[in-house]
Protein backbone atom coordinates (compact mmCIF):
# COMPACT_ATOMS: atom_id res chain seq x y z
CA UNK A 1 13.20 15.15 -9.96
CA UNK A 2 9.79 13.77 -10.82
CA UNK A 3 8.16 10.91 -8.95
CA UNK A 4 7.24 7.56 -10.39
CA UNK A 5 3.48 7.80 -10.90
CA UNK A 6 3.95 6.56 -14.47
CA UNK A 7 5.84 3.49 -13.26
CA UNK A 8 2.91 2.71 -10.96
CA UNK A 9 0.51 2.96 -13.88
CA UNK A 10 2.64 0.78 -16.14
CA UNK A 11 3.03 -1.89 -13.45
CA UNK A 12 -0.74 -2.12 -13.01
CA UNK A 13 -1.22 -2.14 -16.79
CA UNK A 14 1.36 -4.91 -17.17
CA UNK A 15 -0.48 -7.10 -14.68
CA UNK A 16 -3.73 -6.49 -16.56
CA UNK A 17 -2.03 -7.37 -19.86
CA UNK A 18 -0.98 -10.67 -18.26
CA UNK A 19 -4.65 -11.29 -17.32
CA UNK A 20 -4.00 -11.19 -13.61
CA UNK A 21 -4.24 -8.87 -10.64
CA UNK A 22 -1.21 -7.01 -9.32
CA UNK A 23 0.18 -8.05 -5.93
CA UNK A 24 0.70 -5.06 -3.63
CA UNK A 25 2.61 -5.63 -0.39
CA UNK A 26 2.57 -3.38 2.67
CA UNK A 27 5.48 -3.18 5.12
CA UNK A 28 6.17 -0.52 7.78
CA UNK A 29 9.39 1.51 7.63
CA UNK A 30 11.69 0.95 10.58
CA UNK A 31 10.42 -2.57 11.36
CA UNK A 32 12.19 -4.53 12.66
CA UNK A 33 14.88 -1.88 12.00
CA UNK A 34 15.34 0.65 9.21
CA UNK A 35 17.81 -1.64 7.44
CA UNK A 36 15.62 -4.66 8.13
CA UNK A 37 12.59 -2.97 6.56
CA UNK A 38 14.58 -2.17 3.41
CA UNK A 39 15.62 -5.82 3.17
CA UNK A 40 12.01 -6.88 3.70
CA UNK A 41 10.85 -4.75 0.77
CA UNK A 42 13.54 -6.34 -1.41
CA UNK A 43 12.41 -9.78 -0.24
CA UNK A 44 8.72 -9.32 -1.09
CA UNK A 45 9.58 -7.97 -4.55
CA UNK A 46 11.95 -10.90 -5.10
CA UNK A 47 9.09 -13.19 -4.08
CA UNK A 48 6.70 -11.71 -6.61
CA UNK A 49 5.15 -8.45 -5.34
CA UNK A 50 4.59 -5.93 -8.13
CA UNK A 51 4.17 -2.82 -5.97
CA UNK A 52 5.08 -2.02 -2.36
CA UNK A 53 3.48 0.31 0.17
CA UNK A 54 5.91 1.52 2.83
CA UNK A 55 4.06 2.46 5.99
CA UNK A 56 5.01 5.61 7.88
CA UNK A 57 4.69 4.48 11.52
CA UNK A 58 2.26 6.56 13.55
CA UNK A 59 1.45 6.67 17.25
CA UNK A 60 -2.33 6.61 16.62
CA UNK A 61 -2.89 4.31 13.61
CA UNK A 62 -6.69 4.34 13.55
CA UNK A 63 -7.04 2.12 10.46
CA UNK A 64 -4.52 -0.48 11.58
CA UNK A 65 -5.17 -3.61 13.59
CA UNK A 66 -3.02 -5.05 16.40
CA UNK A 67 -0.40 -6.69 14.15
CA UNK A 68 0.58 -3.48 12.35
CA UNK A 69 0.19 -1.48 15.57
CA UNK A 70 2.77 -3.76 17.18
CA UNK A 71 5.20 -3.28 14.29
CA UNK A 72 4.64 0.49 14.33
CA UNK A 73 5.37 0.56 18.06
CA UNK A 74 8.65 -1.32 17.52
CA UNK A 75 9.62 1.12 14.75
CA UNK A 76 8.73 4.19 16.80
CA UNK A 77 10.61 2.93 19.85
CA UNK A 78 13.55 2.39 17.50
CA UNK A 79 13.43 6.10 16.68
CA UNK A 80 12.22 5.91 13.07
CA UNK A 81 11.86 9.32 11.40
CA UNK A 82 10.42 10.56 8.11
CA UNK A 83 13.99 10.73 6.81
CA UNK A 84 14.21 6.97 7.40
CA UNK A 85 10.97 6.46 5.46
CA UNK A 86 12.44 8.41 2.53
CA UNK A 87 15.64 6.37 2.74
CA UNK A 88 13.59 3.17 2.71
CA UNK A 89 11.75 4.29 -0.42
CA UNK A 90 14.98 5.35 -2.14
CA UNK A 91 16.99 2.22 -1.41
CA UNK A 92 14.08 -0.13 -2.08
CA UNK A 93 13.32 1.52 -5.41
CA UNK A 94 16.96 1.58 -6.47
CA UNK A 95 17.36 -2.10 -5.57
CA UNK A 96 14.13 -3.42 -7.10
CA UNK A 97 12.87 -0.97 -9.73
CA UNK A 98 9.36 -1.55 -8.36
CA UNK A 99 6.89 1.27 -7.68
CA UNK A 100 7.12 2.23 -4.00
CA UNK A 101 4.34 4.22 -2.34
CA UNK A 102 4.13 5.61 1.18
CA UNK A 103 1.02 4.88 3.23
CA UNK A 104 0.59 7.51 5.89
CA UNK A 105 -1.89 9.36 8.01
CA UNK A 106 -2.18 13.06 7.29
CA UNK A 107 -0.85 14.52 10.52
CA UNK A 108 2.84 13.63 9.98
CA UNK A 109 2.79 15.20 6.49
CA UNK A 110 1.01 18.29 7.78
CA UNK A 111 3.65 18.77 10.45
CA UNK A 112 6.54 18.05 8.09
CA UNK A 113 5.25 20.34 5.35
CA UNK A 114 3.43 19.25 2.19
CA UNK A 115 5.92 20.80 -0.26
CA UNK A 116 8.89 19.35 1.60
CA UNK A 117 7.34 15.89 1.88
CA UNK A 118 6.28 15.64 -1.78
CA UNK A 119 9.61 16.99 -3.06
CA UNK A 120 11.61 14.54 -0.94
CA UNK A 121 9.38 11.58 -1.85
CA UNK A 122 9.73 12.33 -5.56
CA UNK A 123 13.50 12.77 -5.20
CA UNK A 124 13.65 9.36 -3.50
CA UNK A 125 11.92 7.75 -6.48
CA UNK A 126 8.56 7.29 -4.77
CA UNK A 127 5.43 6.66 -6.83
CA UNK A 128 2.90 8.36 -4.57
CA UNK A 129 1.00 8.23 -1.30
CA UNK A 130 -1.99 6.41 0.14
CA UNK A 131 -3.79 8.76 2.50
CA UNK A 132 -6.52 6.90 4.41
CA UNK A 133 -7.63 9.76 6.66
CA UNK A 134 -7.32 12.79 4.36
CA UNK A 135 -10.82 13.96 3.34
CA UNK A 136 -11.05 14.63 -0.39
CA UNK A 137 -12.57 18.05 0.25
CA UNK A 138 -9.46 19.03 2.23
CA UNK A 139 -6.92 17.54 -0.20
CA UNK A 140 -6.40 20.34 -2.73
CA UNK A 141 -3.05 21.48 -1.33
CA UNK A 142 -1.71 17.93 -1.20
CA UNK A 143 -2.90 17.13 -4.74
CA UNK A 144 -1.39 20.33 -6.12
CA UNK A 145 2.06 19.41 -4.83
CA UNK A 146 1.71 15.70 -5.61
CA UNK A 147 0.81 16.51 -9.22
CA UNK A 148 3.71 18.94 -9.49
CA UNK A 149 6.13 16.24 -8.35
CA UNK A 150 4.74 13.31 -10.35
CA UNK A 151 3.20 11.45 -7.39
CA UNK A 152 -0.05 9.48 -7.26
CA UNK A 153 -2.72 10.34 -4.71
CA UNK A 154 -4.47 7.14 -3.65
CA UNK A 155 -7.66 7.54 -1.65
CA UNK A 156 -9.46 4.81 0.30
CA UNK A 157 -13.09 3.88 -0.31
CA UNK A 158 -15.16 1.64 1.96
CA UNK A 159 -18.34 -0.45 1.67
CA UNK A 160 -20.19 2.33 3.48
CA UNK A 161 -19.30 4.87 0.75
CA UNK A 162 -22.38 5.97 -1.19
CA UNK A 163 -22.17 6.06 -5.00
CA UNK A 164 -22.11 9.87 -5.12
CA UNK A 165 -19.28 9.91 -2.58
CA UNK A 166 -17.38 7.27 -4.55
CA UNK A 167 -17.53 9.46 -7.66
CA UNK A 168 -16.15 12.45 -5.72
CA UNK A 169 -13.29 10.39 -4.30
CA UNK A 170 -12.29 8.67 -7.54
CA UNK A 171 -12.40 11.91 -9.52
CA UNK A 172 -9.83 13.42 -7.15
CA UNK A 173 -7.54 10.38 -6.93
CA UNK A 174 -4.81 9.05 -9.20
CA UNK A 175 -2.73 5.89 -9.54
CA UNK A 176 -5.39 3.50 -8.26
CA UNK A 177 -8.29 3.37 -5.83
CA UNK A 178 -7.77 1.51 -2.54
CA UNK A 179 -10.98 -0.39 -1.79
CA UNK A 180 -11.22 -1.48 1.85
CA UNK A 181 -12.90 -4.88 1.65
CA UNK A 182 -14.90 -4.42 4.85
CA UNK A 183 -15.52 -2.03 7.66
CA UNK A 184 -12.96 -2.07 10.46
CA UNK A 185 -9.21 -2.16 10.90
CA UNK A 186 -6.50 -4.04 9.06
CA UNK A 187 -5.86 -7.69 9.88
CA UNK A 188 -6.04 -11.16 8.41
CA UNK A 189 -9.48 -12.75 8.12
CA UNK A 190 -10.99 -16.11 7.20
CA UNK A 191 -13.11 -14.60 4.45
CA UNK A 192 -12.78 -11.41 2.46
CA UNK A 193 -16.53 -11.38 1.80
CA UNK A 194 -18.97 -10.24 -0.84
CA UNK A 195 -18.85 -6.60 0.27
CA UNK A 196 -15.53 -6.21 -1.52
CA UNK A 197 -16.85 -7.39 -4.88
CA UNK A 198 -19.85 -5.09 -4.64
CA UNK A 199 -17.61 -2.15 -3.71
CA UNK A 200 -15.27 -2.81 -6.64
CA UNK A 201 -18.21 -2.89 -9.03
CA UNK A 202 -19.65 0.35 -7.71
CA UNK A 203 -16.24 2.03 -7.74
CA UNK A 204 -15.52 0.96 -11.33
CA UNK A 205 -18.78 2.56 -12.38
CA UNK A 206 -17.27 5.94 -11.43
CA UNK A 207 -13.69 5.70 -12.77
CA UNK A 208 -11.20 4.15 -15.18
CA UNK A 209 -8.58 3.94 -12.42
CA UNK A 210 -7.56 0.43 -11.33
CA UNK A 211 -9.35 -0.70 -8.18
CA UNK A 212 -7.21 -2.62 -5.69
CA UNK A 213 -8.60 -4.42 -2.64
CA UNK A 214 -7.04 -4.56 0.81
CA UNK A 215 -7.88 -5.48 4.41
CA UNK A 216 -8.11 -9.17 5.17
CA UNK A 217 -6.17 -11.05 2.47
CA UNK A 218 -3.59 -13.39 3.99
CA UNK A 219 -3.20 -16.46 1.76
CA UNK A 220 -3.12 -17.62 -1.86
CA UNK A 221 -6.75 -18.79 -1.83
CA UNK A 222 -8.02 -15.40 -0.72
CA UNK A 223 -5.66 -13.66 -3.16
CA UNK A 224 -7.11 -15.73 -6.01
CA UNK A 225 -10.66 -14.91 -4.86
CA UNK A 226 -10.02 -11.16 -4.81
CA UNK A 227 -8.01 -11.30 -8.05
CA UNK A 228 -11.16 -12.60 -9.73
CA UNK A 229 -12.80 -9.17 -9.46
CA UNK A 230 -10.10 -6.60 -8.55
CA UNK A 231 -7.16 -5.06 -10.41
CA UNK A 232 -4.84 -5.47 -7.44
CA UNK A 233 -4.65 -7.45 -4.21
CA UNK A 234 -3.18 -5.59 -1.21
CA UNK A 235 -1.63 -7.62 1.61
CA UNK A 236 -0.20 -6.08 4.77
CA UNK A 237 -0.88 -7.76 8.11
CA UNK A 238 0.07 -11.22 6.84
CA UNK A 239 3.54 -9.97 5.84
CA UNK A 240 4.01 -8.12 9.12
CA UNK A 241 2.84 -11.14 11.14
CA UNK A 242 5.35 -13.33 9.29
CA UNK A 243 8.12 -10.96 10.37
CA UNK A 244 6.82 -10.74 13.95
CA UNK A 245 6.52 -14.53 14.30
CA UNK A 246 10.01 -15.26 12.94
CA UNK A 247 12.75 -16.19 15.44
CA UNK A 248 15.23 -13.80 13.80
CA UNK A 249 15.49 -11.31 10.96
CA UNK A 250 16.90 -13.80 8.43
CA UNK A 251 13.99 -16.15 9.06
CA UNK A 252 11.57 -13.24 8.77
CA UNK A 253 12.97 -12.24 5.38
CA UNK A 254 12.71 -15.82 4.15
CA UNK A 255 9.12 -15.99 5.43
CA UNK A 256 7.94 -12.82 3.67
CA UNK A 257 9.65 -13.82 0.44
CA UNK A 258 7.95 -17.22 0.57
CA UNK A 259 4.56 -15.66 1.37
CA UNK A 260 4.95 -13.23 -1.53
CA UNK A 261 5.62 -16.20 -3.79
CA UNK A 262 2.46 -17.97 -2.63
CA UNK A 263 0.36 -14.83 -3.04
CA UNK A 264 1.87 -14.14 -6.48
CA UNK A 265 0.71 -17.59 -7.54
CA UNK A 266 -2.70 -16.81 -6.09
CA UNK A 267 -3.24 -13.62 -8.10
CA UNK A 268 -2.45 -15.64 -11.24
CA UNK A 269 -5.20 -18.20 -10.47
CA UNK A 270 -8.05 -15.71 -10.52
């Protein structure tokens, strides 16, 4: 079975045709439980998210701030496994029809086996992977198997990336480019900043791939700001915080659905 890289492309193209940015939501697998995470993905899509990133919880999440680290710790203590991540992708995709990617550090894939991971992700209906710590120069094996199975390879670029480096990264990637709006770890912030707009402009000069911005967006105003210059707006910590702050799972699902609705309005007010 082939993965859903084409569905990812068509979803981003549809948003562009509607003269808006796509809303991309991030949620960790296994948080608050495996079943709860699947319901959370359904809730954000029902609220208005176009694309979902399912996080593969990791014991050393170097890119993630305290909110996502807390959720990852809950998931890991709950015993979440890669099989649960694949189940989350499968059931979320079957329920919503939305493109579902996995965001993961490289070490779990390396241990699991690249061929096994890509084959299972494609079979589950996944659209691809975001790989924040895999150097492009060491990615040939991954890209070979991802291409074979119809999966996107999304690399992360940062404000510190030089133009020559950006061109190398974007040439190797597929699906879209993940532009980190600022240096540092994930988390909500008061301002997304001008660095993001500059990075998007420099990245677009090297590629025709959509450029989507993450790290820091937490409300409709910020979503509208980023949607003014990016092809997609990526929101993670704000969704996870809404789940963490809720008194119970039902309230958490209602909160993330409501937040997705607010952010979906934001990306339409670019």
